[in-house]
Amino acid sequence: MKNFRGYAFVKSLLLVASVGFNGWALSQTTDGGTPVPALALSWEADIKPIVIDTCGGCHNAADASGGVILETQDQVVKLKSSIITVLNEGRMPLGDPGFGSSEEGKKFLEWLSAQPDPVSYYDSTIKPIITANCLKCHTRTKAKGGYAFDTQAQVEAARRIIASEVSRGSMPQGNRNFKNSPEAKLLLNWIKALETSPGS
């Protein structure tokens, strides 16, 4: 019995070693009830080829259909919830309503569901620009000109005056070169997207 247990232990170690460091998850058990290691899906090997083949024709840097680019893992994860919705509803990819239930579609959805929820574009990109350039004068306790930009809702409500002042070089105060900066371009493009979205 001891020899059998020793053999089983060594066999388990060899199995783990063969999986490598790419990560593995426990799949369904065997007939004997022993969990079987299964390789986790990876972006490069499993998902990127699906995205390129299924989404790349329309959502690339050159075409960017609907303003959406899906070429990198970061770009795909940022739109995680939207992609899951359109795949489950059969709205994407165009002309293939059954893709979400296909083998590749299920693999894509499984991988997406396992990804952490992304930080919103406002929090990751716009908020740091507002914090660094506007909050010296525009906070709840010091709302110069009657404007406070402590929250996203406040910034969105004042987006037109922000765009006007930044474009003229009037804001941030004392920094007329800000209008030509990459940060200003990001801010103005975000405001432009808000202006052209439904209900704006």
C-alpha atoms as a PDB file:
ATOM      1  CA  MET A   1       0.000   0.000   0.000  1.00  0.00           C
ATOM      2  CA  LYS A   2       2.853   2.385   0.843  1.00  0.00           C
ATOM      3  CA  ASN A   3       4.484   1.784  -2.545  1.00  0.00           C
ATOM      4  CA  PHE A   4       1.174   2.467  -4.318  1.00  0.00           C
ATOM      5  CA  ARG A   5       0.697   5.735  -2.446  1.00  0.00           C
ATOM      6  CA  GLY A   6       4.254   6.772  -3.207  1.00  0.00           C
ATOM      7  CA  TYR A   7       3.704   6.051  -6.887  1.00  0.00           C
ATOM      8  CA  ALA A   8       0.483   8.079  -6.888  1.00  0.00           C
ATOM      9  CA  PHE A   9       2.225  11.024  -5.217  1.00  0.00           C
ATOM     10  CA  VAL A  10       5.123  11.007  -7.699  1.00  0.00           C
ATOM     11  CA  LYS A  11       2.650  10.730 -10.572  1.00  0.00           C
ATOM     12  CA  SER A  12       0.780  13.791  -9.255  1.00  0.00           C
ATOM     13  CA  LEU A  13       4.002  15.790  -9.049  1.00  0.00           C
ATOM     14  CA  LEU A  14       4.922  14.872 -12.616  1.00  0.00           C
ATOM     15  CA  LEU A  15       1.463  15.909 -13.785  1.00  0.00           C
ATOM     16  CA  VAL A  16       1.759  19.315 -12.113  1.00  0.00           C
ATOM     17  CA  ALA A  17       5.242  19.801 -13.559  1.00  0.00           C
ATOM     18  CA  SER A  18       3.985  18.979 -17.042  1.00  0.00           C
ATOM     19  CA  VAL A  19       1.383  21.731 -16.791  1.00  0.00           C
ATOM     20  CA  GLY A  20       4.099  24.360 -16.375  1.00  0.00           C
ATOM     21  CA  PHE A  21       3.606  27.875 -15.080  1.00  0.00           C
ATOM     22  CA  ASN A  22       0.938  29.043 -17.520  1.00  0.00           C
ATOM     23  CA  GLY A  23      -1.694  28.404 -14.877  1.00  0.00           C
ATOM     24  CA  TRP A  24      -4.175  25.568 -14.524  1.00  0.00           C
ATOM     25  CA  ALA A  25      -7.669  25.184 -13.202  1.00  0.00           C
ATOM     26  CA  LEU A  26      -9.511  22.147 -11.862  1.00  0.00           C
ATOM     27  CA  SER A  27     -11.953  20.779 -14.409  1.00  0.00           C
ATOM     28  CA  GLN A  28     -14.528  18.056 -13.914  1.00  0.00           C
ATOM     29  CA  THR A  29     -13.448  15.016 -11.940  1.00  0.00           C
ATOM     30  CA  THR A  30     -12.527  11.644 -13.387  1.00  0.00           C
ATOM     31  CA  ASP A  31     -14.561   8.510 -12.714  1.00  0.00           C
ATOM     32  CA  GLY A  32     -12.520   8.024  -9.575  1.00  0.00           C
ATOM     33  CA  GLY A  33     -13.359  11.519  -8.313  1.00  0.00           C
ATOM     34  CA  THR A  34      -9.838  12.933  -8.796  1.00  0.00           C
ATOM     35  CA  PRO A  35      -9.718  16.536 -10.161  1.00  0.00           C
ATOM     36  CA  VAL A  36      -7.969  16.768 -13.522  1.00  0.00           C
ATOM     37  CA  PRO A  37      -5.746  19.827 -14.162  1.00  0.00           C
ATOM     38  CA  ALA A  38      -6.766  21.803 -17.263  1.00  0.00           C
ATOM     39  CA  LEU A  39      -4.700  24.519 -18.888  1.00  0.00           C
ATOM     40  CA  ALA A  40      -6.120  28.016 -18.422  1.00  0.00           C
ATOM     41  CA  LEU A  41      -6.986  29.955 -21.556  1.00  0.00           C
ATOM     42  CA  SER A  42      -4.315  32.471 -22.530  1.00  0.00           C
ATOM     43  CA  TRP A  43      -4.647  35.688 -24.522  1.00  0.00           C
ATOM     44  CA  GLU A  44      -1.806  34.983 -26.957  1.00  0.00           C
ATOM     45  CA  ALA A  45      -2.438  31.323 -27.686  1.00  0.00           C
ATOM     46  CA  ASP A  46      -6.206  31.006 -27.411  1.00  0.00           C
ATOM     47  CA  ILE A  47      -8.027  34.327 -27.576  1.00  0.00           C
ATOM     48  CA  LYS A  48      -5.999  36.704 -29.753  1.00  0.00           C
ATOM     49  CA  PRO A  49      -6.404  34.510 -32.881  1.00  0.00           C
ATOM     50  CA  ILE A  50     -10.192  34.459 -32.312  1.00  0.00           C
ATOM     51  CA  VAL A  51     -10.347  38.237 -31.891  1.00  0.00           C
ATOM     52  CA  ILE A  52      -8.232  38.871 -34.994  1.00  0.00           C
ATOM     53  CA  ASP A  53     -10.271  36.466 -37.110  1.00  0.00           C
ATOM     54  CA  THR A  54     -13.698  37.473 -35.767  1.00  0.00           C
ATOM     55  CA  CYS A  55     -13.369  41.168 -34.881  1.00  0.00           C
ATOM     56  CA  GLY A  56     -10.241  42.388 -36.671  1.00  0.00           C
ATOM     57  CA  GLY A  57     -11.917  43.059 -40.005  1.00  0.00           C
ATOM     58  CA  CYS A  58     -13.947  45.970 -38.597  1.00  0.00           C
ATOM     59  CA  HIS A  59     -12.400  46.877 -35.239  1.00  0.00           C
ATOM     60  CA  ASN A  60      -8.811  47.687 -36.172  1.00  0.00           C
ATOM     61  CA  ALA A  61      -6.761  50.864 -35.863  1.00  0.00           C
ATOM     62  CA  ALA A  62      -7.418  51.816 -39.494  1.00  0.00           C
ATOM     63  CA  ASP A  63     -11.195  51.310 -39.558  1.00  0.00           C
ATOM     64  CA  ALA A  64     -12.273  51.409 -35.879  1.00  0.00           C
ATOM     65  CA  SER A  65     -15.914  50.689 -36.667  1.00  0.00           C
ATOM     66  CA  GLY A  66     -18.128  52.412 -34.099  1.00  0.00           C
ATOM     67  CA  GLY A  67     -15.009  53.957 -32.606  1.00  0.00           C
ATOM     68  CA  VAL A  68     -13.973  50.552 -31.250  1.00  0.00           C
ATOM     69  CA  ILE A  69     -10.503  49.032 -31.700  1.00  0.00           C
ATOM     70  CA  LEU A  70      -9.966  45.427 -30.604  1.00  0.00           C
ATOM     71  CA  GLU A  71      -6.347  44.556 -31.263  1.00  0.00           C
ATOM     72  CA  THR A  72      -4.770  44.226 -27.822  1.00  0.00           C
ATOM     73  CA  GLN A  73      -5.712  42.401 -24.643  1.00  0.00           C
ATOM     74  CA  ASP A  74      -6.137  45.702 -22.819  1.00  0.00           C
ATOM     75  CA  GLN A  75      -8.544  47.035 -25.469  1.00  0.00           C
ATOM     76  CA  VAL A  76     -10.648  43.869 -25.308  1.00  0.00           C
ATOM     77  CA  VAL A  77     -10.760  43.704 -21.499  1.00  0.00           C
ATOM     78  CA  LYS A  78     -11.794  47.365 -21.237  1.00  0.00           C
ATOM     79  CA  LEU A  79     -14.923  46.495 -23.245  1.00  0.00           C
ATOM     80  CA  LYS A  80     -15.500  43.193 -21.445  1.00  0.00           C
ATOM     81  CA  SER A  81     -19.137  43.730 -20.441  1.00  0.00           C
ATOM     82  CA  SER A  82     -20.164  45.188 -23.824  1.00  0.00           C
ATOM     83  CA  ILE A  83     -18.545  42.323 -25.754  1.00  0.00           C
ATOM     84  CA  ILE A  84     -20.197  39.702 -23.534  1.00  0.00           C
ATOM     85  CA  THR A  85     -23.579  41.375 -24.121  1.00  0.00           C
ATOM     86  CA  VAL A  86     -23.350  41.576 -27.927  1.00  0.00           C
ATOM     87  CA  LEU A  87     -22.033  38.009 -28.208  1.00  0.00           C
ATOM     88  CA  ASN A  88     -24.788  36.602 -26.008  1.00  0.00           C
ATOM     89  CA  GLU A  89     -27.428  38.573 -27.915  1.00  0.00           C
ATOM     90  CA  GLY A  90     -26.023  37.480 -31.291  1.00  0.00           C
ATOM     91  CA  ARG A  91     -25.457  41.060 -32.460  1.00  0.00           C
ATOM     92  CA  MET A  92     -21.770  40.521 -33.110  1.00  0.00           C
ATOM     93  CA  PRO A  93     -19.958  39.543 -35.192  1.00  0.00           C
ATOM     94  CA  LEU A  94     -22.145  40.922 -37.967  1.00  0.00           C
ATOM     95  CA  GLY A  95     -23.716  38.194 -40.056  1.00  0.00           C
ATOM     96  CA  ASP A  96     -22.946  35.448 -37.524  1.00  0.00           C
ATOM     97  CA  PRO A  97     -25.608  35.526 -34.770  1.00  0.00           C
ATOM     98  CA  GLY A  98     -24.658  32.036 -33.621  1.00  0.00           C
ATOM     99  CA  PHE A  99     -21.010  32.794 -32.932  1.00  0.00           C
ATOM    100  CA  GLY A 100     -21.564  33.170 -29.181  1.00  0.00           C
ATOM    101  CA  SER A 101     -22.741  29.571 -28.917  1.00  0.00           C
ATOM    102  CA  SER A 102     -19.996  28.167 -31.164  1.00  0.00           C
ATOM    103  CA  GLU A 103     -16.912  26.462 -29.743  1.00  0.00           C
ATOM    104  CA  GLU A 104     -14.768  29.547 -30.347  1.00  0.00           C
ATOM    105  CA  GLY A 105     -17.491  31.855 -29.041  1.00  0.00           C
ATOM    106  CA  LYS A 106     -17.830  29.870 -25.831  1.00  0.00           C
ATOM    107  CA  LYS A 107     -14.050  29.941 -25.377  1.00  0.00           C
ATOM    108  CA  PHE A 108     -14.002  33.710 -25.892  1.00  0.00           C
ATOM    109  CA  LEU A 109     -16.864  34.214 -23.422  1.00  0.00           C
ATOM    110  CA  GLU A 110     -15.220  31.930 -20.855  1.00  0.00           C
ATOM    111  CA  TRP A 111     -11.985  33.911 -21.061  1.00  0.00           C
ATOM    112  CA  LEU A 112     -13.790  37.261 -20.895  1.00  0.00           C
ATOM    113  CA  SER A 113     -15.791  36.210 -17.843  1.00  0.00           C
ATOM    114  CA  ALA A 114     -12.563  35.296 -16.031  1.00  0.00           C
ATOM    115  CA  GLN A 115     -11.006  38.739 -16.589  1.00  0.00           C
ATOM    116  CA  PRO A 116     -11.159  41.344 -13.805  1.00  0.00           C
ATOM    117  CA  ASP A 117     -13.656  44.133 -14.327  1.00  0.00           C
ATOM    118  CA  PRO A 118     -11.842  47.044 -15.994  1.00  0.00           C
ATOM    119  CA  VAL A 119     -11.423  50.488 -14.508  1.00  0.00           C
ATOM    120  CA  SER A 120     -13.655  52.952 -16.341  1.00  0.00           C
ATOM    121  CA  TYR A 121     -12.070  55.173 -18.994  1.00  0.00           C
ATOM    122  CA  TYR A 122     -12.936  58.230 -16.941  1.00  0.00           C
ATOM    123  CA  ASP A 123     -11.209  56.894 -13.819  1.00  0.00           C
ATOM    124  CA  SER A 124      -8.140  55.605 -15.655  1.00  0.00           C
ATOM    125  CA  THR A 125      -7.592  58.445 -18.137  1.00  0.00           C
ATOM    126  CA  ILE A 126      -9.713  61.571 -17.612  1.00  0.00           C
ATOM    127  CA  LYS A 127      -9.823  61.846 -13.830  1.00  0.00           C
ATOM    128  CA  PRO A 128      -6.007  62.094 -13.481  1.00  0.00           C
ATOM    129  CA  ILE A 129      -6.000  64.943 -16.040  1.00  0.00           C
ATOM    130  CA  ILE A 130      -8.746  66.797 -14.156  1.00  0.00           C
ATOM    131  CA  THR A 131      -7.005  66.198 -10.819  1.00  0.00           C
ATOM    132  CA  ALA A 132      -3.656  67.495 -12.031  1.00  0.00           C
ATOM    133  CA  ASN A 133      -4.943  70.521 -13.953  1.00  0.00           C
ATOM    134  CA  CYS A 134      -8.297  71.646 -12.541  1.00  0.00           C
ATOM    135  CA  LEU A 135      -8.722  70.801  -8.869  1.00  0.00           C
ATOM    136  CA  LYS A 136      -6.445  73.588  -7.692  1.00  0.00           C
ATOM    137  CA  CYS A 137      -9.338  75.965  -8.378  1.00  0.00           C
ATOM    138  CA  HIS A 138     -12.430  73.814  -8.984  1.00  0.00           C
ATOM    139  CA  THR A 139     -13.412  71.765  -5.936  1.00  0.00           C
ATOM    140  CA  ARG A 140     -16.460  71.610  -3.732  1.00  0.00           C
ATOM    141  CA  THR A 141     -14.793  73.877  -1.179  1.00  0.00           C
ATOM    142  CA  LYS A 142     -13.249  76.260  -3.732  1.00  0.00           C
ATOM    143  CA  ALA A 143     -15.509  76.312  -6.781  1.00  0.00           C
ATOM    144  CA  LYS A 144     -13.976  79.130  -8.805  1.00  0.00           C
ATOM    145  CA  GLY A 145     -16.490  80.563 -11.275  1.00  0.00           C
ATOM    146  CA  GLY A 146     -19.124  78.366  -9.669  1.00  0.00           C
ATOM    147  CA  TYR A 147     -17.615  75.157 -11.075  1.00  0.00           C
ATOM    148  CA  ALA A 148     -16.544  72.138  -9.027  1.00  0.00           C
ATOM    149  CA  PHE A 149     -15.005  69.090 -10.708  1.00  0.00           C
ATOM    150  CA  ASP A 150     -14.833  66.629  -7.821  1.00  0.00           C
ATOM    151  CA  THR A 151     -16.994  64.027  -9.565  1.00  0.00           C
ATOM    152  CA  GLN A 152     -17.443  62.666 -13.074  1.00  0.00           C
ATOM    153  CA  ALA A 153     -21.006  63.982 -13.134  1.00  0.00           C
ATOM    154  CA  GLN A 154     -19.787  67.529 -12.390  1.00  0.00           C
ATOM    155  CA  VAL A 155     -17.156  67.311 -15.133  1.00  0.00           C
ATOM    156  CA  GLU A 156     -19.667  65.987 -17.664  1.00  0.00           C
ATOM    157  CA  ALA A 157     -22.153  68.736 -16.782  1.00  0.00           C
ATOM    158  CA  ALA A 158     -19.483  71.383 -17.430  1.00  0.00           C
ATOM    159  CA  ARG A 159     -17.943  69.652 -20.435  1.00  0.00           C
ATOM    160  CA  ARG A 160     -18.811  72.388 -22.959  1.00  0.00           C
ATOM    161  CA  ILE A 161     -17.281  75.203 -20.949  1.00  0.00           C
ATOM    162  CA  ILE A 162     -14.253  72.985 -20.238  1.00  0.00           C
ATOM    163  CA  ALA A 163     -13.795  72.271 -23.958  1.00  0.00           C
ATOM    164  CA  SER A 164     -14.160  75.954 -24.817  1.00  0.00           C
ATOM    165  CA  GLU A 165     -11.689  77.171 -22.195  1.00  0.00           C
ATOM    166  CA  VAL A 166      -9.117  74.472 -22.916  1.00  0.00           C
ATOM    167  CA  SER A 167      -9.328  75.043 -26.688  1.00  0.00           C
ATOM    168  CA  ARG A 168      -8.783  78.798 -26.205  1.00  0.00           C
ATOM    169  CA  GLY A 169      -5.842  78.206 -23.896  1.00  0.00           C
ATOM    170  CA  SER A 170      -7.607  79.943 -20.994  1.00  0.00           C
ATOM    171  CA  MET A 171      -7.588  76.891 -18.787  1.00  0.00           C
ATOM    172  CA  PRO A 172      -5.791  75.658 -16.772  1.00  0.00           C
ATOM    173  CA  GLN A 173      -5.033  79.175 -15.584  1.00  0.00           C
ATOM    174  CA  GLY A 174      -1.440  80.148 -16.245  1.00  0.00           C
ATOM    175  CA  ASN A 175      -0.793  77.266 -18.657  1.00  0.00           C
ATOM    176  CA  ARG A 176      -1.614  78.398 -22.190  1.00  0.00           C
ATOM    177  CA  ASN A 177       0.426  75.511 -23.618  1.00  0.00           C
ATOM    178  CA  PHE A 178      -1.867  72.892 -22.109  1.00  0.00           C
ATOM    179  CA  LYS A 179      -4.193  73.077 -25.143  1.00  0.00           C
ATOM    180  CA  ASN A 180      -1.428  71.531 -27.279  1.00  0.00           C
ATOM    181  CA  SER A 181      -0.605  68.710 -24.855  1.00  0.00           C
ATOM    182  CA  PRO A 182      -1.491  65.012 -25.263  1.00  0.00           C
ATOM    183  CA  GLU A 183      -3.595  65.299 -22.097  1.00  0.00           C
ATOM    184  CA  ALA A 184      -5.703  68.096 -23.609  1.00  0.00           C
ATOM    185  CA  LYS A 185      -6.260  66.003 -26.738  1.00  0.00           C
ATOM    186  CA  LEU A 186      -7.481  63.068 -24.637  1.00  0.00           C
ATOM    187  CA  LEU A 187      -9.781  65.347 -22.635  1.00  0.00           C
ATOM    188  CA  LEU A 188     -11.227  67.081 -25.712  1.00  0.00           C
ATOM    189  CA  ASN A 189     -11.724  63.777 -27.555  1.00  0.00           C
ATOM    190  CA  TRP A 190     -13.575  62.380 -24.534  1.00  0.00           C
ATOM    191  CA  ILE A 191     -15.838  65.448 -24.445  1.00  0.00           C
ATOM    192  CA  LYS A 192     -16.420  65.158 -28.191  1.00  0.00           C
ATOM    193  CA  ALA A 193     -17.467  61.521 -27.734  1.00  0.00           C
ATOM    194  CA  LEU A 194     -19.941  62.590 -25.036  1.00  0.00           C
ATOM    195  CA  GLU A 195     -21.377  65.229 -27.343  1.00  0.00           C
ATOM    196  CA  THR A 196     -21.989  62.731 -30.139  1.00  0.00           C
ATOM    197  CA  SER A 197     -23.407  59.967 -27.939  1.00  0.00           C
ATOM    198  CA  PRO A 198     -27.188  59.376 -27.789  1.00  0.00           C
ATOM    199  CA  GLY A 199     -28.950  61.563 -25.248  1.00  0.00           C
ATOM    200  CA  SER A 200     -26.149  64.114 -25.011  1.00  0.00           C
END
